[in-house]
Amino acid sequence: MSAGAGFVLLVLDQGARLLDGAGTPLLEVARDGRGALIQALPPRARVRVILAGSRVKVHCAEVPALSRSERREVARRLALEAGFGPQDALAQTVDADPLAEGGQVLWLAGYPRADLEAWLGALLEAGARPLSVQVWQRAALASPALAGGDRLCLGLEPGLARVLYVHGRGLRYTRTFPLPEGLDPGHLDGPGASALAELMHEQLTLLMPFLARKFRGAAPAELVVVGLTPEGLDGLAPDRRLNGLAATVLAPDWTRFLLDGARLERGLDLLPEEIRDARRRGLHRALVRAALAGMLLLGAAARVFLGRQEALLEREALAAEAAARQRRTLIQEGEEAARLRFGFLRVRRAEERQKKAVEQLEQAATGLFQVPARLHLQRVTVTRAQGQDLNFRFQVEGTARSDRRLSLGLLAAYWEHLKGMPGLTLEPMPRVAVADGQDRAPALTRFHLEGSVR
């Protein structure tokens, strides 16, 4: 057998059953035959112990939030009231429960110390490593399917039936009763189904009134069954109701159901403190050794890495120096070429600006001097505006003479002509003098125009 997958020791009344990690039975061990267990387990095997006999004692109480010292005192008093004695190995834990009156449920579990030490001694003698010691009630309640309100759970296995009444995270009631010899709930035939249906009806008929009286009328309305197939439940109750309870199958195998819950359970553990301390010390030593070995390996790897990095950096430094020399040479050549080209570029830029300025002046002059007949220009002034852009301002003074009585139409025609020229912008006329003709005298308009050319 391999120790890697782990094992489960299911402790019963008359002995124990050794299972592998998947729940397959490997060995039946009698109470006085623990030597077979020592021979069967490989060295350093990891073993999880589940106490599933009738000598398991469990007590639950709803409590408010307690400090650690208060929890120990409350657990001590509850243990005395519940009948736990000095001969019992005890463990306690607290679970948060929104359905509990105080918001928490205190769990107490006990098992005869002598029997527990005998089984653990056999495991230690075999060189195994006990991981935890759990009671079967906590392993069953670790299943998320049992979480919630009031539920009645019925666990069936060959020869035995287990009943749990669950309220939230608390266990209100539990008991066991025998099944007929030779009856396997997982493989029911016709007579077996009839016998089991009759027995369950009898037990539920006695149990439900008892629970109603004990818990003041509160009783479960749902029954979940473990250890029975859906077809087997149909054979017992075609309408899926047993004594008025809605029945559902939670899992077909009770032992595997316990194993799955035991893997999830993290609270209640009856493993003695000295074994936990030894396990912690062993883990600490293993961590120290692993850390020391890791540091030695890391140091050796660091030396090799630093040597390679030093060689790599030296090569990169030489390559960087060569690249820097090449870049300096290219920069110097570029600066020399730029100095040679700079004068040429300035000349080209000046020529382009001059050409553009001439074109703008030529365009402006062409438009400004295209005047209608009888409109004369006395003065035209063009100046360059300040700034880097080639913008010019112009001023035009002139007169419009007409033999008719009005001469303003000539000025209006000239204004529309200038306004339609691209790149030319007119400003409002600052001065206009109009002398209309009287007594056959000609009409005369003197004007002053300003604007800009882009």
Protein backbone atom coordinates (compact mmCIF):
# COMPACT_ATOMS: atom_id res chain seq x y z
CA MET A 1 0.00 0.00 0.00
CA SER A 2 1.20 3.53 -0.81
CA ALA A 3 1.34 6.18 1.89
CA GLY A 4 0.87 9.07 -0.51
CA ALA A 5 -2.92 8.91 -0.91
CA GLY A 6 -3.66 8.70 2.83
CA PHE A 7 -5.82 6.31 4.83
CA VAL A 8 -8.90 6.43 7.05
CA LEU A 9 -9.35 4.35 10.21
CA LEU A 10 -13.07 3.96 10.94
CA VAL A 11 -13.28 2.93 14.61
CA LEU A 12 -16.43 0.90 15.44
CA ASP A 13 -17.66 -0.85 18.59
CA GLN A 14 -16.10 -4.26 17.93
CA GLY A 15 -13.00 -3.08 16.11
CA ALA A 16 -12.03 -0.85 13.22
CA ARG A 17 -12.01 -0.75 9.44
CA LEU A 18 -9.00 0.52 7.49
CA LEU A 19 -9.94 2.34 4.26
CA ASP A 20 -7.93 3.95 1.53
CA GLY A 21 -8.43 7.59 0.53
CA ALA A 22 -11.29 6.68 -1.84
CA GLY A 23 -13.20 4.75 0.84
CA THR A 24 -12.35 1.22 -0.37
CA PRO A 25 -12.10 -1.23 2.58
CA LEU A 26 -8.59 -2.63 3.00
CA LEU A 27 -8.60 -4.40 6.36
CA GLU A 28 -10.95 -5.35 9.19
CA VAL A 29 -9.20 -4.98 12.57
CA ALA A 30 -10.52 -6.47 15.82
CA ARG A 31 -10.13 -4.55 19.08
CA ASP A 32 -7.57 -7.08 20.32
CA GLY A 33 -5.88 -7.51 16.95
CA ARG A 34 -4.23 -4.16 16.43
CA GLY A 35 -1.02 -5.90 15.42
CA ALA A 36 -2.54 -6.52 12.00
CA LEU A 37 -2.93 -2.75 11.62
CA ILE A 38 0.75 -2.26 12.46
CA GLN A 39 1.70 -4.77 9.78
CA ALA A 40 -0.66 -3.35 7.14
CA LEU A 41 0.27 0.33 7.23
CA PRO A 42 3.33 1.55 5.31
CA PRO A 43 5.82 3.82 7.12
CA ARG A 44 4.86 7.49 7.47
CA ALA A 45 1.33 6.78 6.25
CA ARG A 46 -1.08 9.65 6.84
CA VAL A 47 -4.15 8.38 8.67
CA ARG A 48 -7.39 10.20 9.52
CA VAL A 49 -9.32 8.59 12.39
CA ILE A 50 -13.14 8.70 12.50
CA LEU A 51 -14.83 7.51 15.69
CA ALA A 52 -18.10 5.88 14.57
CA GLY A 53 -18.99 3.62 17.52
CA SER A 54 -21.70 3.95 20.13
CA ARG A 55 -19.22 5.12 22.81
CA VAL A 56 -18.87 8.52 21.13
CA LYS A 57 -20.41 11.25 23.28
CA VAL A 58 -21.55 14.50 21.70
CA HIS A 59 -23.25 17.50 23.29
CA CYS A 60 -24.30 20.80 21.64
CA ALA A 61 -25.39 24.04 23.33
CA GLU A 62 -26.30 27.44 21.92
CA VAL A 63 -24.05 30.12 23.46
CA PRO A 64 -23.37 33.85 22.93
CA ALA A 65 -19.98 35.19 21.90
CA LEU A 66 -17.40 34.07 24.48
CA SER A 67 -13.75 34.82 25.13
CA ARG A 68 -11.30 31.92 25.17
CA SER A 69 -11.25 31.66 28.97
CA GLU A 70 -15.06 31.90 29.16
CA ARG A 71 -15.39 29.22 26.50
CA ARG A 72 -13.17 26.84 28.50
CA GLU A 73 -15.19 27.43 31.67
CA VAL A 74 -18.53 26.98 29.89
CA ALA A 75 -17.24 23.82 28.20
CA ARG A 76 -16.07 22.42 31.56
CA ARG A 77 -19.48 23.00 33.20
CA LEU A 78 -21.39 21.60 30.23
CA ALA A 79 -19.15 18.52 30.18
CA LEU A 80 -20.00 17.82 33.83
CA GLU A 81 -23.70 18.32 33.19
CA ALA A 82 -23.66 16.10 30.09
CA GLY A 83 -21.97 13.19 31.91
CA PHE A 84 -18.44 13.44 30.53
CA GLY A 85 -15.94 12.02 33.01
CA PRO A 86 -12.18 12.05 33.64
CA GLN A 87 -11.91 8.76 31.74
CA ASP A 88 -12.97 10.56 28.52
CA ALA A 89 -10.75 12.37 26.07
CA LEU A 90 -12.50 15.69 25.40
CA ALA A 91 -12.52 18.25 22.62
CA GLN A 92 -14.60 21.38 22.07
CA THR A 93 -15.17 23.93 19.32
CA VAL A 94 -17.56 26.78 18.52
CA ASP A 95 -19.42 27.24 15.22
CA ALA A 96 -21.16 30.41 14.10
CA ASP A 97 -24.85 29.70 13.54
CA PRO A 98 -27.41 32.39 12.59
CA LEU A 99 -30.21 30.04 13.70
CA ALA A 100 -28.79 29.68 17.21
CA GLU A 101 -30.24 31.85 19.96
CA GLY A 102 -26.83 33.25 20.95
CA GLY A 103 -25.41 33.24 17.43
CA GLN A 104 -23.02 30.35 18.16
CA VAL A 105 -23.10 26.62 18.90
CA LEU A 106 -20.65 25.06 21.33
CA TRP A 107 -19.76 21.45 20.50
CA LEU A 108 -18.39 18.98 23.06
CA ALA A 109 -17.16 15.53 22.06
CA GLY A 110 -15.74 12.73 24.18
CA TYR A 111 -14.42 9.20 23.77
CA PRO A 112 -12.93 6.71 26.27
CA ARG A 113 -9.34 7.79 26.65
CA ALA A 114 -7.96 4.27 27.01
CA ASP A 115 -9.48 3.05 23.75
CA LEU A 116 -8.38 6.16 21.86
CA GLU A 117 -4.82 5.88 23.15
CA ALA A 118 -4.73 2.20 22.19
CA TRP A 119 -5.69 2.93 18.57
CA LEU A 120 -3.34 5.90 18.32
CA GLY A 121 -0.55 3.87 19.90
CA ALA A 122 -0.98 1.21 17.22
CA LEU A 123 -0.76 3.87 14.50
CA LEU A 124 2.36 5.42 16.02
CA GLU A 125 3.95 2.01 16.44
CA ALA A 126 3.37 1.38 12.75
CA GLY A 127 5.20 4.64 11.96
CA ALA A 128 2.02 6.31 10.71
CA ARG A 129 1.16 9.99 11.15
CA PRO A 130 -2.32 10.60 12.60
CA LEU A 131 -3.79 13.70 10.97
CA SER A 132 -6.96 14.10 13.07
CA VAL A 133 -9.43 12.27 15.27
CA GLN A 134 -13.03 13.16 14.41
CA VAL A 135 -16.43 11.98 15.61
CA TRP A 136 -18.84 10.68 13.00
CA GLN A 137 -21.53 13.27 13.84
CA ARG A 138 -19.22 16.18 12.90
CA ALA A 139 -18.08 14.38 9.75
CA ALA A 140 -21.72 13.95 8.68
CA LEU A 141 -22.65 17.56 9.47
CA ALA A 142 -19.66 18.87 7.51
CA SER A 143 -21.63 18.14 4.32
CA PRO A 144 -23.04 21.40 2.86
CA ALA A 145 -26.24 19.48 2.00
CA LEU A 146 -27.12 19.26 5.71
CA ALA A 147 -26.70 23.00 6.33
CA GLY A 148 -29.81 25.10 6.83
CA GLY A 149 -32.87 24.72 9.03
CA ASP A 150 -34.41 21.67 10.72
CA ARG A 151 -33.53 18.41 9.00
CA LEU A 152 -33.66 14.76 9.91
CA CYS A 153 -30.81 12.69 8.49
CA LEU A 154 -30.99 8.91 8.29
CA GLY A 155 -27.71 7.10 7.62
CA LEU A 156 -27.98 3.46 6.56
CA GLU A 157 -25.24 0.83 6.42
CA PRO A 158 -25.32 -2.95 6.66
CA GLY A 159 -26.54 -3.86 10.15
CA LEU A 160 -26.98 -0.34 11.48
CA ALA A 161 -29.03 2.85 11.03
CA ARG A 162 -28.04 6.26 12.40
CA VAL A 163 -30.44 9.14 13.02
CA LEU A 164 -29.40 12.81 13.33
CA TYR A 165 -31.75 15.72 13.99
CA VAL A 166 -29.96 18.86 12.77
CA HIS A 167 -30.90 22.48 13.50
CA GLY A 168 -28.58 24.88 11.69
CA ARG A 169 -25.03 24.02 12.79
CA GLY A 170 -26.23 22.27 15.95
CA LEU A 171 -27.04 18.64 16.57
CA ARG A 172 -30.24 18.36 18.59
CA TYR A 173 -30.66 14.60 18.75
CA THR A 174 -28.88 11.43 17.60
CA ARG A 175 -29.42 7.71 18.08
CA THR A 176 -28.69 4.40 16.37
CA PHE A 177 -30.77 1.26 15.90
CA PRO A 178 -29.90 -2.10 14.36
CA LEU A 179 -31.04 -3.31 10.97
CA PRO A 180 -32.05 -6.93 10.24
CA GLU A 181 -29.11 -9.25 9.73
CA GLY A 182 -28.20 -9.71 6.09
CA LEU A 183 -30.03 -6.53 4.99
CA ASP A 184 -27.87 -4.35 2.71
CA PRO A 185 -29.59 -0.96 2.15
CA GLY A 186 -27.48 -0.31 -0.94
CA HIS A 187 -28.74 -3.47 -2.70
CA LEU A 188 -32.36 -4.00 -1.77
CA ASP A 189 -34.53 -6.78 -3.15
CA GLY A 190 -38.30 -7.09 -2.70
CA PRO A 191 -38.33 -8.70 0.78
CA GLY A 192 -35.49 -6.45 1.95
CA ALA A 193 -37.33 -3.31 0.80
CA SER A 194 -40.49 -4.40 2.62
CA ALA A 195 -38.57 -5.15 5.84
CA LEU A 196 -36.72 -1.86 5.71
CA ALA A 197 -39.89 0.13 4.95
CA GLU A 198 -41.66 -1.46 7.91
CA LEU A 199 -38.73 -0.80 10.25
CA MET A 200 -38.36 2.83 9.16
CA HIS A 201 -42.10 3.41 9.55
CA GLU A 202 -41.95 1.96 13.06
CA GLN A 203 -38.93 4.03 14.09
CA LEU A 204 -40.27 7.29 12.63
CA THR A 205 -43.65 6.71 14.29
CA LEU A 206 -41.89 6.57 17.66
CA LEU A 207 -39.36 9.29 16.91
CA MET A 208 -41.48 12.15 15.52
CA PRO A 209 -43.82 12.56 18.54
CA PHE A 210 -40.80 12.32 20.84
CA LEU A 211 -39.01 15.14 18.97
CA ALA A 212 -42.17 17.29 18.96
CA ARG A 213 -42.52 16.91 22.75
CA LYS A 214 -38.82 17.39 23.46
CA PHE A 215 -38.46 20.53 21.35
CA ARG A 216 -41.85 22.08 22.11
CA GLY A 217 -43.61 21.39 18.87
CA ALA A 218 -40.62 22.03 16.59
CA ALA A 219 -40.03 18.97 14.44
CA PRO A 220 -38.33 18.42 11.08
CA ALA A 221 -40.41 18.41 7.93
CA GLU A 222 -37.71 16.97 5.66
CA LEU A 223 -35.84 13.67 5.73
CA VAL A 224 -32.53 13.16 3.94
CA VAL A 225 -31.31 9.59 3.51
CA VAL A 226 -27.70 8.49 3.13
CA GLY A 227 -26.81 4.92 2.17
CA LEU A 228 -29.80 4.29 -0.09
CA THR A 229 -30.08 4.60 -3.86
CA PRO A 230 -32.91 6.66 -5.45
CA GLU A 231 -34.36 3.41 -6.83
CA GLY A 232 -34.27 1.93 -3.33
CA LEU A 233 -36.13 4.96 -1.97
CA ASP A 234 -38.76 4.54 -4.70
CA GLY A 235 -39.20 0.96 -3.54
CA LEU A 236 -39.79 2.15 0.04
CA ALA A 237 -41.90 5.22 -0.73
CA PRO A 238 -43.13 5.64 -4.32
CA ASP A 239 -44.46 9.12 -3.47
CA ARG A 240 -41.14 10.07 -1.84
CA ARG A 241 -42.77 10.60 1.55
CA LEU A 242 -42.09 8.64 4.73
CA ASN A 243 -44.45 9.22 7.68
CA GLY A 244 -45.39 12.61 6.20
CA LEU A 245 -41.76 13.69 5.70
CA ALA A 246 -40.51 14.69 2.26
CA ALA A 247 -37.64 12.23 1.64
CA THR A 248 -34.63 12.73 -0.62
CA VAL A 249 -31.47 10.67 -1.16
CA LEU A 250 -28.32 12.59 -0.27
CA ALA A 251 -25.68 9.95 -1.08
CA PRO A 252 -25.82 6.22 -1.89
CA ASP A 253 -22.92 5.19 0.38
CA TRP A 254 -22.75 6.13 4.08
CA THR A 255 -19.03 5.40 4.52
CA ARG A 256 -17.96 7.52 1.55
CA PHE A 257 -20.30 10.27 2.76
CA LEU A 258 -18.50 10.29 6.13
CA LEU A 259 -15.10 10.37 4.42
CA ASP A 260 -16.08 13.34 2.26
CA GLY A 261 -17.31 15.22 5.33
CA ALA A 262 -14.18 14.35 7.32
CA ARG A 263 -12.05 16.03 4.65
CA LEU A 264 -14.07 19.22 5.10
CA GLU A 265 -14.21 19.19 8.92
CA ARG A 266 -11.73 21.60 10.52
CA GLY A 267 -13.18 22.27 13.97
CA LEU A 268 -13.56 19.43 16.48
CA ASP A 269 -10.45 17.26 16.85
CA LEU A 270 -9.77 14.67 19.61
CA LEU A 271 -6.13 14.21 18.61
CA PRO A 272 -4.07 14.51 21.85
CA GLU A 273 -2.08 17.69 22.29
CA GLU A 274 1.24 15.85 22.68
CA ILE A 275 0.82 14.28 19.22
CA ARG A 276 -0.05 17.68 17.76
CA ASP A 277 3.04 19.19 19.41
CA ALA A 278 5.22 16.39 18.07
CA ARG A 279 3.72 16.86 14.63
CA ARG A 280 4.32 20.61 14.83
CA ARG A 281 7.91 20.05 15.98
CA GLY A 282 8.47 17.58 13.16
CA LEU A 283 6.99 20.03 10.68
CA HIS A 284 9.16 22.80 12.14
CA ARG A 285 12.28 20.67 11.81
CA ALA A 286 11.37 19.75 8.26
CA LEU A 287 10.80 23.40 7.42
CA VAL A 288 14.13 24.39 8.97
CA ARG A 289 15.96 21.67 7.07
CA ALA A 290 14.20 22.59 3.86
CA ALA A 291 14.98 26.27 4.43
CA LEU A 292 18.67 25.48 5.12
CA ALA A 293 18.91 23.29 2.04
CA GLY A 294 17.14 25.96 0.04
CA MET A 295 19.56 28.63 1.29
CA LEU A 296 22.58 26.49 0.36
CA LEU A 297 21.16 25.79 -3.07
CA LEU A 298 20.23 29.43 -3.44
CA GLY A 299 23.74 30.52 -2.47
CA ALA A 300 25.33 28.17 -5.00
CA ALA A 301 22.87 29.23 -7.66
CA ALA A 302 23.48 32.90 -6.79
CA ARG A 303 27.23 32.49 -7.23
CA VAL A 304 26.78 30.88 -10.62
CA PHE A 305 24.20 33.47 -11.59
CA LEU A 306 26.35 36.41 -10.45
CA GLY A 307 29.38 35.03 -12.34
CA ARG A 308 27.33 34.74 -15.52
CA GLN A 309 25.81 38.17 -14.99
CA GLU A 310 29.25 39.72 -14.45
CA ALA A 311 30.52 38.23 -17.72
CA LEU A 312 27.35 39.32 -19.48
CA LEU A 313 27.58 42.86 -18.10
CA GLU A 314 31.23 43.11 -19.16
CA ARG A 315 30.32 42.08 -22.70
CA GLU A 316 27.43 44.53 -22.71
CA ALA A 317 29.70 47.33 -21.41
CA LEU A 318 32.21 46.74 -24.22
CA ALA A 319 29.40 46.66 -26.79
CA ALA A 320 27.92 49.85 -25.29
CA GLU A 321 31.27 51.66 -25.49
CA ALA A 322 31.68 50.66 -29.15
CA ALA A 323 28.12 51.79 -29.89
CA ALA A 324 28.74 55.09 -28.05
CA ARG A 325 31.86 55.77 -30.13
CA GLN A 326 29.93 55.02 -33.29
CA ARG A 327 27.08 57.32 -32.17
CA ARG A 328 29.55 60.16 -31.39
CA THR A 329 31.08 59.80 -34.85
CA LEU A 330 27.65 59.88 -36.49
CA ILE A 331 26.63 62.91 -34.39
CA GLN A 332 29.77 64.82 -35.34
CA GLU A 333 29.23 64.01 -39.03
CA GLY A 334 25.60 65.08 -38.72
CA GLU A 335 26.54 68.37 -37.04
CA GLU A 336 29.08 69.13 -39.78
CA ALA A 337 26.51 68.38 -42.48
CA ALA A 338 23.96 70.54 -40.68
CA ARG A 339 26.39 73.46 -40.52
CA LEU A 340 27.01 73.16 -44.26
CA ARG A 341 23.34 72.91 -45.06
CA PHE A 342 22.15 75.57 -42.63
CA GLY A 343 23.29 78.52 -44.74
CA PHE A 344 21.77 77.01 -47.86
CA LEU A 345 18.50 76.38 -46.05
CA ARG A 346 18.36 79.97 -44.79
CA VAL A 347 18.86 81.26 -48.33
CA ARG A 348 16.21 78.93 -49.68
CA ARG A 349 13.83 79.98 -46.94
CA ALA A 350 14.44 83.66 -47.62
CA GLU A 351 13.90 83.12 -51.36
CA GLU A 352 10.64 81.29 -50.73
CA ARG A 353 9.40 84.05 -48.43
CA GLN A 354 10.41 86.70 -50.91
CA LYS A 355 8.68 84.86 -53.74
CA LYS A 356 5.51 84.53 -51.69
CA ALA A 357 5.64 88.20 -50.73
CA VAL A 358 6.05 89.24 -54.35
CA GLU A 359 3.13 87.04 -55.37
CA GLN A 360 0.95 88.53 -52.64
CA LEU A 361 1.93 92.10 -53.62
CA GLU A 362 1.39 91.35 -57.27
CA GLN A 363 -2.05 89.91 -56.55
CA ALA A 364 -2.97 92.86 -54.32
CA ALA A 365 -1.74 95.42 -56.84
CA THR A 366 -3.64 93.72 -59.64
CA GLY A 367 -6.86 93.96 -57.67
CA LEU A 368 -6.30 97.43 -56.22
CA PHE A 369 -5.55 99.06 -59.58
CA GLN A 370 -8.48 97.53 -61.44
CA VAL A 371 -10.81 100.52 -60.98
CA PRO A 372 -14.02 101.45 -62.81
CA ALA A 373 -14.05 104.33 -65.29
CA ARG A 374 -14.24 107.83 -63.71
CA LEU A 375 -12.75 106.47 -60.43
CA HIS A 376 -9.23 107.75 -59.87
CA LEU A 377 -6.69 106.65 -57.25
CA GLN A 378 -4.60 109.47 -55.78
CA ARG A 379 -2.56 107.37 -53.33
CA VAL A 380 -1.95 103.65 -52.71
CA THR A 381 0.23 102.57 -49.75
CA VAL A 382 1.19 98.93 -49.03
CA THR A 383 3.18 97.99 -45.84
CA ARG A 384 4.14 94.66 -44.26
CA ALA A 385 2.48 93.85 -40.93
CA GLN A 386 4.63 92.86 -37.94
CA GLY A 387 5.11 89.14 -37.23
CA GLN A 388 6.57 86.08 -38.90
CA ASP A 389 3.63 85.57 -41.30
CA LEU A 390 3.64 87.35 -44.64
CA ASN A 391 0.76 89.77 -44.04
CA PHE A 392 0.45 93.15 -45.74
CA ARG A 393 -1.71 96.16 -44.99
CA PHE A 394 -2.84 98.67 -47.66
CA GLN A 395 -4.41 102.11 -47.73
CA VAL A 396 -6.15 103.55 -50.80
CA GLU A 397 -7.22 107.17 -51.33
CA GLY A 398 -9.13 108.26 -54.38
CA THR A 399 -12.07 110.06 -55.93
CA ALA A 400 -15.08 109.00 -57.99
CA ARG A 401 -16.46 111.60 -60.43
CA SER A 402 -19.74 111.26 -62.31
CA ASP A 403 -21.61 113.55 -64.71
CA ARG A 404 -24.81 112.34 -63.15
CA ARG A 405 -26.14 113.59 -59.90
CA LEU A 406 -24.82 110.59 -57.85
CA SER A 407 -21.23 109.21 -57.79
CA LEU A 408 -21.43 106.76 -54.86
CA GLY A 409 -22.27 103.84 -57.17
CA LEU A 410 -18.74 103.91 -58.60
CA LEU A 411 -17.30 103.49 -55.10
CA ALA A 412 -19.75 100.66 -54.35
CA ALA A 413 -18.70 98.83 -57.52
CA TYR A 414 -15.01 99.18 -56.57
CA TRP A 415 -15.76 97.95 -53.00
CA GLU A 416 -17.53 94.81 -54.28
CA HIS A 417 -14.62 94.19 -56.67
CA LEU A 418 -12.09 94.26 -53.82
CA LYS A 419 -14.30 92.26 -51.47
CA GLY A 420 -14.43 89.37 -53.94
CA MET A 421 -10.64 89.03 -54.21
CA PRO A 422 -9.17 85.92 -52.46
CA GLY A 423 -6.84 86.70 -49.54
CA LEU A 424 -7.91 90.33 -49.33
CA THR A 425 -9.81 91.63 -46.29
CA LEU A 426 -11.45 95.10 -46.17
CA GLU A 427 -11.99 97.09 -43.02
CA PRO A 428 -14.85 99.55 -42.51
CA MET A 429 -14.18 102.80 -44.43
CA PRO A 430 -12.91 105.42 -41.98
CA ARG A 431 -13.53 108.43 -44.27
CA VAL A 432 -15.94 109.02 -47.14
CA ALA A 433 -16.90 112.48 -48.48
CA VAL A 434 -19.77 112.69 -50.97
CA ALA A 435 -20.68 115.86 -52.93
CA ASP A 436 -23.71 115.25 -55.15
CA GLY A 437 -24.00 117.29 -58.32
CA GLN A 438 -26.29 120.38 -58.37
CA ASP A 439 -27.07 122.76 -61.17
CA ARG A 440 -25.40 120.47 -63.71
CA ALA A 441 -22.20 120.31 -61.60
CA PRO A 442 -20.56 116.79 -61.60
CA ALA A 443 -21.01 114.53 -58.57
CA LEU A 444 -17.80 113.83 -56.56
CA THR A 445 -16.97 111.23 -53.87
CA ARG A 446 -13.68 111.20 -51.96
CA PHE A 447 -12.85 107.95 -50.12
CA HIS A 448 -10.21 106.27 -47.96
CA LEU A 449 -10.02 102.42 -47.87
CA GLU A 450 -7.95 100.14 -45.56
CA GLY A 451 -7.45 96.42 -45.47
CA SER A 452 -4.99 93.52 -45.41
CA VAL A 453 -3.64 90.88 -47.77
CA ARG A 454 -2.63 87.30 -46.67
